[in-house]
Amino acid sequence: MVRRQIEARGIRDKAVLEAMQEVPRHLFVPEKVRSKSYDDRPLPIGLGQTISQPYIVAFMTELLQLEPDHRIFELGTGSGYQAAVASRIVKDVFTVEIYEELAVSAAQRLAELGYDNVHVKGGDGYYGWDEKAPFDAIIVTAAADHIPPPLIKQLRPGGRLIIPLGGPFSVQQLVLVEKGTDGSTKERSIIPVRFVPLLGH
C-alpha cells in the first residue's frame, strides 16, 4: 500500500511513510470490509462516517509538516486511524468525535493497540479542545462550509491547519491555513476532495 499508493503519488516525508507502514489499517475498519482495508479508497465505518483513503491520510499528514515535539488537534476521530498515524510522529494527539459511540470505540481501540499519546473525547469538535490549546497543527477530517474560528484561535502562531471546505454535494477543496507569528492567517487551496459533512455547532 505505502509503495504503490502513497510513495508512487509523491509523498516524500519519511516520518509519514514510516507511520503509514507501521499502523495496521485493517484494525481500524469493521470486519465486514476488512478485506478491502488496503484498497485505495475510503471505507464505511458506521453511522454514515468513513475512514479516508490511505493516500489522503498521508497527504494531509504531510501537509502539516509535523515534528516530534508537536501537540496536535484532530476534529473527527472516526475509527481513530488518522490519529494513530499522526501519533507515530508527534508528542500528543487530541481528538474529538461528535458520535459518542465512535469516540468510545476509537478510544478503546487506540488504547488496546498501545497508542497512549492519543487522547479522545466525545463532543463537538467545532469548538476544539480549549483547555489543551494551543496546538502546533490541526487536522479536520470532515467538510465544513467555513473554517471554525475556535480552531484558528487555538492554533499556535507558526502552526498549520488542514480542512476540507465545501458542501456535501459540491466540489470540496482541501485548504491549508498557515498562521503567522503575528496571528494573521493565509489560506491556500490544495486539491479537490470528497469528505463527509462536518456535524454539530
C-alpha atoms as a PDB file:
ATOM      1  CA  MET A   1       0.000   0.000   0.000  1.00  0.00           C
ATOM      2  CA  VAL A   2       2.661   2.510   1.023  1.00  0.00           C
ATOM      3  CA  ARG A   3       4.857   1.962  -2.013  1.00  0.00           C
ATOM      4  CA  ARG A   4       2.113   1.631  -4.657  1.00  0.00           C
ATOM      5  CA  GLN A   5      -0.468   4.140  -3.426  1.00  0.00           C
ATOM      6  CA  ILE A   6       1.475   6.682  -1.407  1.00  0.00           C
ATOM      7  CA  GLU A   7       5.126   6.922  -2.433  1.00  0.00           C
ATOM      8  CA  ALA A   8       4.157   6.468  -6.091  1.00  0.00           C
ATOM      9  CA  ARG A   9       1.938   9.559  -5.837  1.00  0.00           C
ATOM     10  CA  GLY A  10       4.595  11.848  -4.419  1.00  0.00           C
ATOM     11  CA  ILE A  11       4.550  11.534  -0.630  1.00  0.00           C
ATOM     12  CA  ARG A  12       8.161  12.004   0.468  1.00  0.00           C
ATOM     13  CA  ASP A  13       8.065  12.754   4.222  1.00  0.00           C
ATOM     14  CA  LYS A  14       9.994   9.848   5.784  1.00  0.00           C
ATOM     15  CA  ALA A  15       8.149  10.052   9.113  1.00  0.00           C
ATOM     16  CA  VAL A  16       4.760   9.959   7.351  1.00  0.00           C
ATOM     17  CA  LEU A  17       5.764   6.964   5.216  1.00  0.00           C
ATOM     18  CA  GLU A  18       7.037   5.098   8.280  1.00  0.00           C
ATOM     19  CA  ALA A  19       3.842   5.854  10.221  1.00  0.00           C
ATOM     20  CA  MET A  20       1.680   4.650   7.330  1.00  0.00           C
ATOM     21  CA  GLN A  21       3.761   1.474   7.171  1.00  0.00           C
ATOM     22  CA  GLU A  22       3.503   0.886  10.927  1.00  0.00           C
ATOM     23  CA  VAL A  23      -0.207   1.484  11.640  1.00  0.00           C
ATOM     24  CA  PRO A  24      -2.354  -1.599  10.831  1.00  0.00           C
ATOM     25  CA  ARG A  25      -5.238  -0.071   8.849  1.00  0.00           C
ATOM     26  CA  HIS A  26      -7.232  -3.322   8.885  1.00  0.00           C
ATOM     27  CA  LEU A  27      -7.695  -2.984  12.657  1.00  0.00           C
ATOM     28  CA  PHE A  28      -9.437   0.368  12.179  1.00  0.00           C
ATOM     29  CA  VAL A  29     -12.197  -0.821   9.828  1.00  0.00           C
ATOM     30  CA  PRO A  30     -15.258  -3.017  10.517  1.00  0.00           C
ATOM     31  CA  GLU A  31     -14.787  -6.738   9.971  1.00  0.00           C
ATOM     32  CA  LYS A  32     -17.228  -6.827   7.041  1.00  0.00           C
ATOM     33  CA  VAL A  33     -14.962  -4.564   4.948  1.00  0.00           C
ATOM     34  CA  ARG A  34     -11.645  -5.728   6.381  1.00  0.00           C
ATOM     35  CA  SER A  35     -10.673  -7.493   3.138  1.00  0.00           C
ATOM     36  CA  LYS A  36     -10.664  -4.045   1.472  1.00  0.00           C
ATOM     37  CA  SER A  37      -8.565  -2.401   4.227  1.00  0.00           C
ATOM     38  CA  TYR A  38      -5.617  -1.601   1.982  1.00  0.00           C
ATOM     39  CA  ASP A  39      -7.576  -0.569  -1.101  1.00  0.00           C
ATOM     40  CA  ASP A  40      -7.011   2.958  -2.406  1.00  0.00           C
ATOM     41  CA  ARG A  41     -10.403   4.290  -1.300  1.00  0.00           C
ATOM     42  CA  PRO A  42     -12.423   5.394   1.733  1.00  0.00           C
ATOM     43  CA  LEU A  43     -14.416   2.731   3.594  1.00  0.00           C
ATOM     44  CA  PRO A  44     -17.587   2.932   5.737  1.00  0.00           C
ATOM     45  CA  ILE A  45     -17.105   2.668   9.499  1.00  0.00           C
ATOM     46  CA  GLY A  46     -20.764   3.056  10.553  1.00  0.00           C
ATOM     47  CA  LEU A  47     -23.111   5.949  11.381  1.00  0.00           C
ATOM     48  CA  GLY A  48     -22.610   7.356   7.893  1.00  0.00           C
ATOM     49  CA  GLN A  49     -18.918   8.003   8.555  1.00  0.00           C
ATOM     50  CA  THR A  50     -15.850   6.809   6.668  1.00  0.00           C
ATOM     51  CA  ILE A  51     -12.153   6.126   7.055  1.00  0.00           C
ATOM     52  CA  SER A  52     -10.315   8.188   4.431  1.00  0.00           C
ATOM     53  CA  GLN A  53      -8.355   6.547   1.635  1.00  0.00           C
ATOM     54  CA  PRO A  54      -4.721   5.893   2.629  1.00  0.00           C
ATOM     55  CA  TYR A  55      -3.263   8.420   0.195  1.00  0.00           C
ATOM     56  CA  ILE A  56      -5.417  11.260   1.565  1.00  0.00           C
ATOM     57  CA  VAL A  57      -4.436  10.389   5.146  1.00  0.00           C
ATOM     58  CA  ALA A  58      -0.764  10.500   4.168  1.00  0.00           C
ATOM     59  CA  PHE A  59      -1.179  13.658   2.065  1.00  0.00           C
ATOM     60  CA  MET A  60      -2.966  15.626   4.790  1.00  0.00           C
ATOM     61  CA  THR A  61      -0.460  14.473   7.394  1.00  0.00           C
ATOM     62  CA  GLU A  62       2.487  15.523   5.223  1.00  0.00           C
ATOM     63  CA  LEU A  63       0.985  18.975   4.613  1.00  0.00           C
ATOM     64  CA  LEU A  64       1.009  19.676   8.361  1.00  0.00           C
ATOM     65  CA  GLN A  65       4.831  19.362   8.482  1.00  0.00           C
ATOM     66  CA  LEU A  66       4.687  17.582  11.837  1.00  0.00           C
ATOM     67  CA  GLU A  67       7.607  17.463  14.262  1.00  0.00           C
ATOM     68  CA  PRO A  68       8.308  15.089  17.192  1.00  0.00           C
ATOM     69  CA  ASP A  69       7.597  17.751  19.834  1.00  0.00           C
ATOM     70  CA  HIS A  70       4.248  18.828  18.334  1.00  0.00           C
ATOM     71  CA  ARG A  71       0.887  18.650  20.062  1.00  0.00           C
ATOM     72  CA  ILE A  72      -1.919  18.476  17.527  1.00  0.00           C
ATOM     73  CA  PHE A  73      -5.713  18.573  17.421  1.00  0.00           C
ATOM     74  CA  GLU A  74      -7.968  16.484  15.199  1.00  0.00           C
ATOM     75  CA  LEU A  75     -11.631  17.272  14.561  1.00  0.00           C
ATOM     76  CA  GLY A  76     -13.402  13.987  13.748  1.00  0.00           C
ATOM     77  CA  THR A  77     -11.824  10.905  15.320  1.00  0.00           C
ATOM     78  CA  GLY A  78     -13.842   8.360  13.346  1.00  0.00           C
ATOM     79  CA  SER A  79     -12.204   4.970  13.841  1.00  0.00           C
ATOM     80  CA  GLY A  80      -9.008   6.583  15.178  1.00  0.00           C
ATOM     81  CA  TYR A  81      -6.828   5.760  12.159  1.00  0.00           C
ATOM     82  CA  GLN A  82      -5.693   9.286  11.282  1.00  0.00           C
ATOM     83  CA  ALA A  83      -4.925   9.960  14.950  1.00  0.00           C
ATOM     84  CA  ALA A  84      -2.917   6.731  15.158  1.00  0.00           C
ATOM     85  CA  VAL A  85      -0.846   7.695  12.113  1.00  0.00           C
ATOM     86  CA  ALA A  86      -0.148  11.179  13.479  1.00  0.00           C
ATOM     87  CA  SER A  87       0.690   9.770  16.913  1.00  0.00           C
ATOM     88  CA  ARG A  88       3.694   7.936  15.464  1.00  0.00           C
ATOM     89  CA  ILE A  89       5.190  11.316  14.517  1.00  0.00           C
ATOM     90  CA  VAL A  90       4.175  13.800  17.241  1.00  0.00           C
ATOM     91  CA  LYS A  91       4.218  14.038  21.039  1.00  0.00           C
ATOM     92  CA  ASP A  92       0.436  14.146  21.608  1.00  0.00           C
ATOM     93  CA  VAL A  93      -2.776  13.972  19.580  1.00  0.00           C
ATOM     94  CA  PHE A  94      -6.013  15.401  20.998  1.00  0.00           C
ATOM     95  CA  THR A  95      -9.045  14.287  19.016  1.00  0.00           C
ATOM     96  CA  VAL A  96     -12.791  14.944  19.336  1.00  0.00           C
ATOM     97  CA  GLU A  97     -15.605  12.870  17.832  1.00  0.00           C
ATOM     98  CA  ILE A  98     -19.243  14.010  17.763  1.00  0.00           C
ATOM     99  CA  TYR A  99     -20.659  10.461  17.730  1.00  0.00           C
ATOM    100  CA  GLU A 100     -20.232   9.127  21.259  1.00  0.00           C
ATOM    101  CA  GLU A 101     -20.339   5.522  20.001  1.00  0.00           C
ATOM    102  CA  LEU A 102     -17.411   6.137  17.651  1.00  0.00           C
ATOM    103  CA  ALA A 103     -15.491   8.095  20.297  1.00  0.00           C
ATOM    104  CA  VAL A 104     -15.798   5.234  22.795  1.00  0.00           C
ATOM    105  CA  SER A 105     -14.841   2.524  20.294  1.00  0.00           C
ATOM    106  CA  ALA A 106     -11.909   4.574  18.929  1.00  0.00           C
ATOM    107  CA  ALA A 107     -10.578   5.285  22.430  1.00  0.00           C
ATOM    108  CA  GLN A 108     -10.802   1.598  23.306  1.00  0.00           C
ATOM    109  CA  ARG A 109      -9.145   0.521  20.047  1.00  0.00           C
ATOM    110  CA  LEU A 110      -6.307   3.022  20.381  1.00  0.00           C
ATOM    111  CA  ALA A 111      -5.685   2.011  24.000  1.00  0.00           C
ATOM    112  CA  GLU A 112      -5.653  -1.698  23.158  1.00  0.00           C
ATOM    113  CA  LEU A 113      -3.170  -1.102  20.341  1.00  0.00           C
ATOM    114  CA  GLY A 114      -0.874   0.946  22.576  1.00  0.00           C
ATOM    115  CA  TYR A 115      -1.378   4.431  21.119  1.00  0.00           C
ATOM    116  CA  ASP A 116      -1.151   6.003  24.549  1.00  0.00           C
ATOM    117  CA  ASN A 117      -0.354   9.501  23.300  1.00  0.00           C
ATOM    118  CA  VAL A 118      -3.777   9.840  21.630  1.00  0.00           C
ATOM    119  CA  HIS A 119      -6.419  11.487  23.815  1.00  0.00           C
ATOM    120  CA  VAL A 120     -10.030  11.000  22.661  1.00  0.00           C
ATOM    121  CA  LYS A 121     -13.087  12.964  23.761  1.00  0.00           C
ATOM    122  CA  GLY A 122     -16.714  12.797  22.685  1.00  0.00           C
ATOM    123  CA  GLY A 123     -18.230  16.156  21.763  1.00  0.00           C
ATOM    124  CA  ASP A 124     -18.478  18.862  19.123  1.00  0.00           C
ATOM    125  CA  GLY A 125     -15.018  19.324  17.655  1.00  0.00           C
ATOM    126  CA  TYR A 126     -16.039  22.611  16.034  1.00  0.00           C
ATOM    127  CA  TYR A 127     -15.064  24.238  19.328  1.00  0.00           C
ATOM    128  CA  GLY A 128     -11.700  22.494  19.512  1.00  0.00           C
ATOM    129  CA  TRP A 129     -10.299  21.478  22.884  1.00  0.00           C
ATOM    130  CA  ASP A 130      -9.638  24.800  24.560  1.00  0.00           C
ATOM    131  CA  GLU A 131      -8.044  23.536  27.770  1.00  0.00           C
ATOM    132  CA  LYS A 132      -5.407  21.638  25.754  1.00  0.00           C
ATOM    133  CA  ALA A 133      -4.629  24.506  23.352  1.00  0.00           C
ATOM    134  CA  PRO A 134      -2.577  25.924  21.759  1.00  0.00           C
ATOM    135  CA  PHE A 135      -1.850  23.311  19.108  1.00  0.00           C
ATOM    136  CA  ASP A 136       1.065  23.178  16.674  1.00  0.00           C
ATOM    137  CA  ALA A 137      -1.173  21.738  13.964  1.00  0.00           C
ATOM    138  CA  ILE A 138      -4.857  20.996  13.428  1.00  0.00           C
ATOM    139  CA  ILE A 139      -6.453  18.465  11.084  1.00  0.00           C
ATOM    140  CA  VAL A 140     -10.151  18.452  10.202  1.00  0.00           C
ATOM    141  CA  THR A 141     -11.475  15.212   8.727  1.00  0.00           C
ATOM    142  CA  ALA A 142     -14.970  16.357   7.691  1.00  0.00           C
ATOM    143  CA  ALA A 143     -16.061  19.011   5.198  1.00  0.00           C
ATOM    144  CA  ALA A 144     -17.183  22.381   6.569  1.00  0.00           C
ATOM    145  CA  ASP A 145     -18.629  25.441   4.839  1.00  0.00           C
ATOM    146  CA  HIS A 146     -16.189  27.680   6.718  1.00  0.00           C
ATOM    147  CA  ILE A 147     -13.125  27.422   8.932  1.00  0.00           C
ATOM    148  CA  PRO A 148     -14.231  27.209  12.610  1.00  0.00           C
ATOM    149  CA  PRO A 149     -12.984  30.379  14.369  1.00  0.00           C
ATOM    150  CA  PRO A 150     -12.243  28.478  17.629  1.00  0.00           C
ATOM    151  CA  LEU A 151      -9.732  26.337  15.750  1.00  0.00           C
ATOM    152  CA  ILE A 152      -7.904  29.358  14.339  1.00  0.00           C
ATOM    153  CA  LYS A 153      -7.760  30.784  17.867  1.00  0.00           C
ATOM    154  CA  GLN A 154      -6.355  27.524  19.263  1.00  0.00           C
ATOM    155  CA  LEU A 155      -3.691  27.198  16.547  1.00  0.00           C
ATOM    156  CA  ARG A 156      -0.252  28.291  17.704  1.00  0.00           C
ATOM    157  CA  PRO A 157       1.385  31.144  15.733  1.00  0.00           C
ATOM    158  CA  GLY A 158       3.503  29.457  13.073  1.00  0.00           C
ATOM    159  CA  GLY A 159       1.098  26.500  13.015  1.00  0.00           C
ATOM    160  CA  ARG A 160      -0.779  24.847  10.167  1.00  0.00           C
ATOM    161  CA  LEU A 161      -4.397  23.749   9.806  1.00  0.00           C
ATOM    162  CA  ILE A 162      -5.767  21.482   7.081  1.00  0.00           C
ATOM    163  CA  ILE A 163      -9.501  21.334   6.353  1.00  0.00           C
ATOM    164  CA  PRO A 164     -11.847  20.262   3.531  1.00  0.00           C
ATOM    165  CA  LEU A 165     -14.135  23.180   2.612  1.00  0.00           C
ATOM    166  CA  GLY A 166     -17.378  22.871   0.669  1.00  0.00           C
ATOM    167  CA  GLY A 167     -20.844  21.342   0.787  1.00  0.00           C
ATOM    168  CA  PRO A 168     -21.605  17.603   0.664  1.00  0.00           C
ATOM    169  CA  PHE A 169     -22.964  17.818  -2.902  1.00  0.00           C
ATOM    170  CA  SER A 170     -20.435  20.258  -4.320  1.00  0.00           C
ATOM    171  CA  VAL A 171     -16.740  20.072  -5.129  1.00  0.00           C
ATOM    172  CA  GLN A 172     -14.816  20.417  -1.892  1.00  0.00           C
ATOM    173  CA  GLN A 173     -11.332  21.863  -1.673  1.00  0.00           C
ATOM    174  CA  LEU A 174      -8.646  20.765   0.740  1.00  0.00           C
ATOM    175  CA  VAL A 175      -7.473  24.057   2.221  1.00  0.00           C
ATOM    176  CA  LEU A 176      -4.223  24.687   4.073  1.00  0.00           C
ATOM    177  CA  VAL A 177      -4.275  27.530   6.603  1.00  0.00           C
ATOM    178  CA  GLU A 178      -0.980  28.932   7.867  1.00  0.00           C
ATOM    179  CA  LYS A 179      -0.959  31.171  10.934  1.00  0.00           C
ATOM    180  CA  GLY A 180       1.738  33.818  11.052  1.00  0.00           C
ATOM    181  CA  THR A 181       3.700  34.801  14.125  1.00  0.00           C
ATOM    182  CA  ASP A 182       1.608  37.971  14.236  1.00  0.00           C
ATOM    183  CA  GLY A 183      -1.625  35.938  14.355  1.00  0.00           C
ATOM    184  CA  SER A 184      -2.632  36.623  10.743  1.00  0.00           C
ATOM    185  CA  THR A 185      -3.674  33.717   8.528  1.00  0.00           C
ATOM    186  CA  LYS A 186      -3.291  32.849   4.881  1.00  0.00           C
ATOM    187  CA  GLU A 187      -5.263  30.155   3.061  1.00  0.00           C
ATOM    188  CA  ARG A 188      -4.317  28.040   0.080  1.00  0.00           C
ATOM    189  CA  SER A 189      -6.476  25.560  -1.834  1.00  0.00           C
ATOM    190  CA  ILE A 190      -4.562  22.352  -2.496  1.00  0.00           C
ATOM    191  CA  ILE A 191      -6.680  19.687  -4.261  1.00  0.00           C
ATOM    192  CA  PRO A 192     -10.360  18.801  -4.762  1.00  0.00           C
ATOM    193  CA  VAL A 193     -11.574  16.168  -2.262  1.00  0.00           C
ATOM    194  CA  ARG A 194     -14.725  14.394  -1.073  1.00  0.00           C
ATOM    195  CA  PHE A 195     -15.413  14.155   2.673  1.00  0.00           C
ATOM    196  CA  VAL A 196     -18.478  13.502   4.819  1.00  0.00           C
ATOM    197  CA  PRO A 197     -20.016  16.762   6.132  1.00  0.00           C
ATOM    198  CA  LEU A 198     -18.991  18.300   9.433  1.00  0.00           C
ATOM    199  CA  LEU A 199     -21.743  17.905  12.024  1.00  0.00           C
ATOM    200  CA  GLY A 200     -22.569  19.911  15.115  1.00  0.00           C
ATOM    201  CA  HIS A 201     -22.171  23.542  16.177  1.00  0.00           C
END
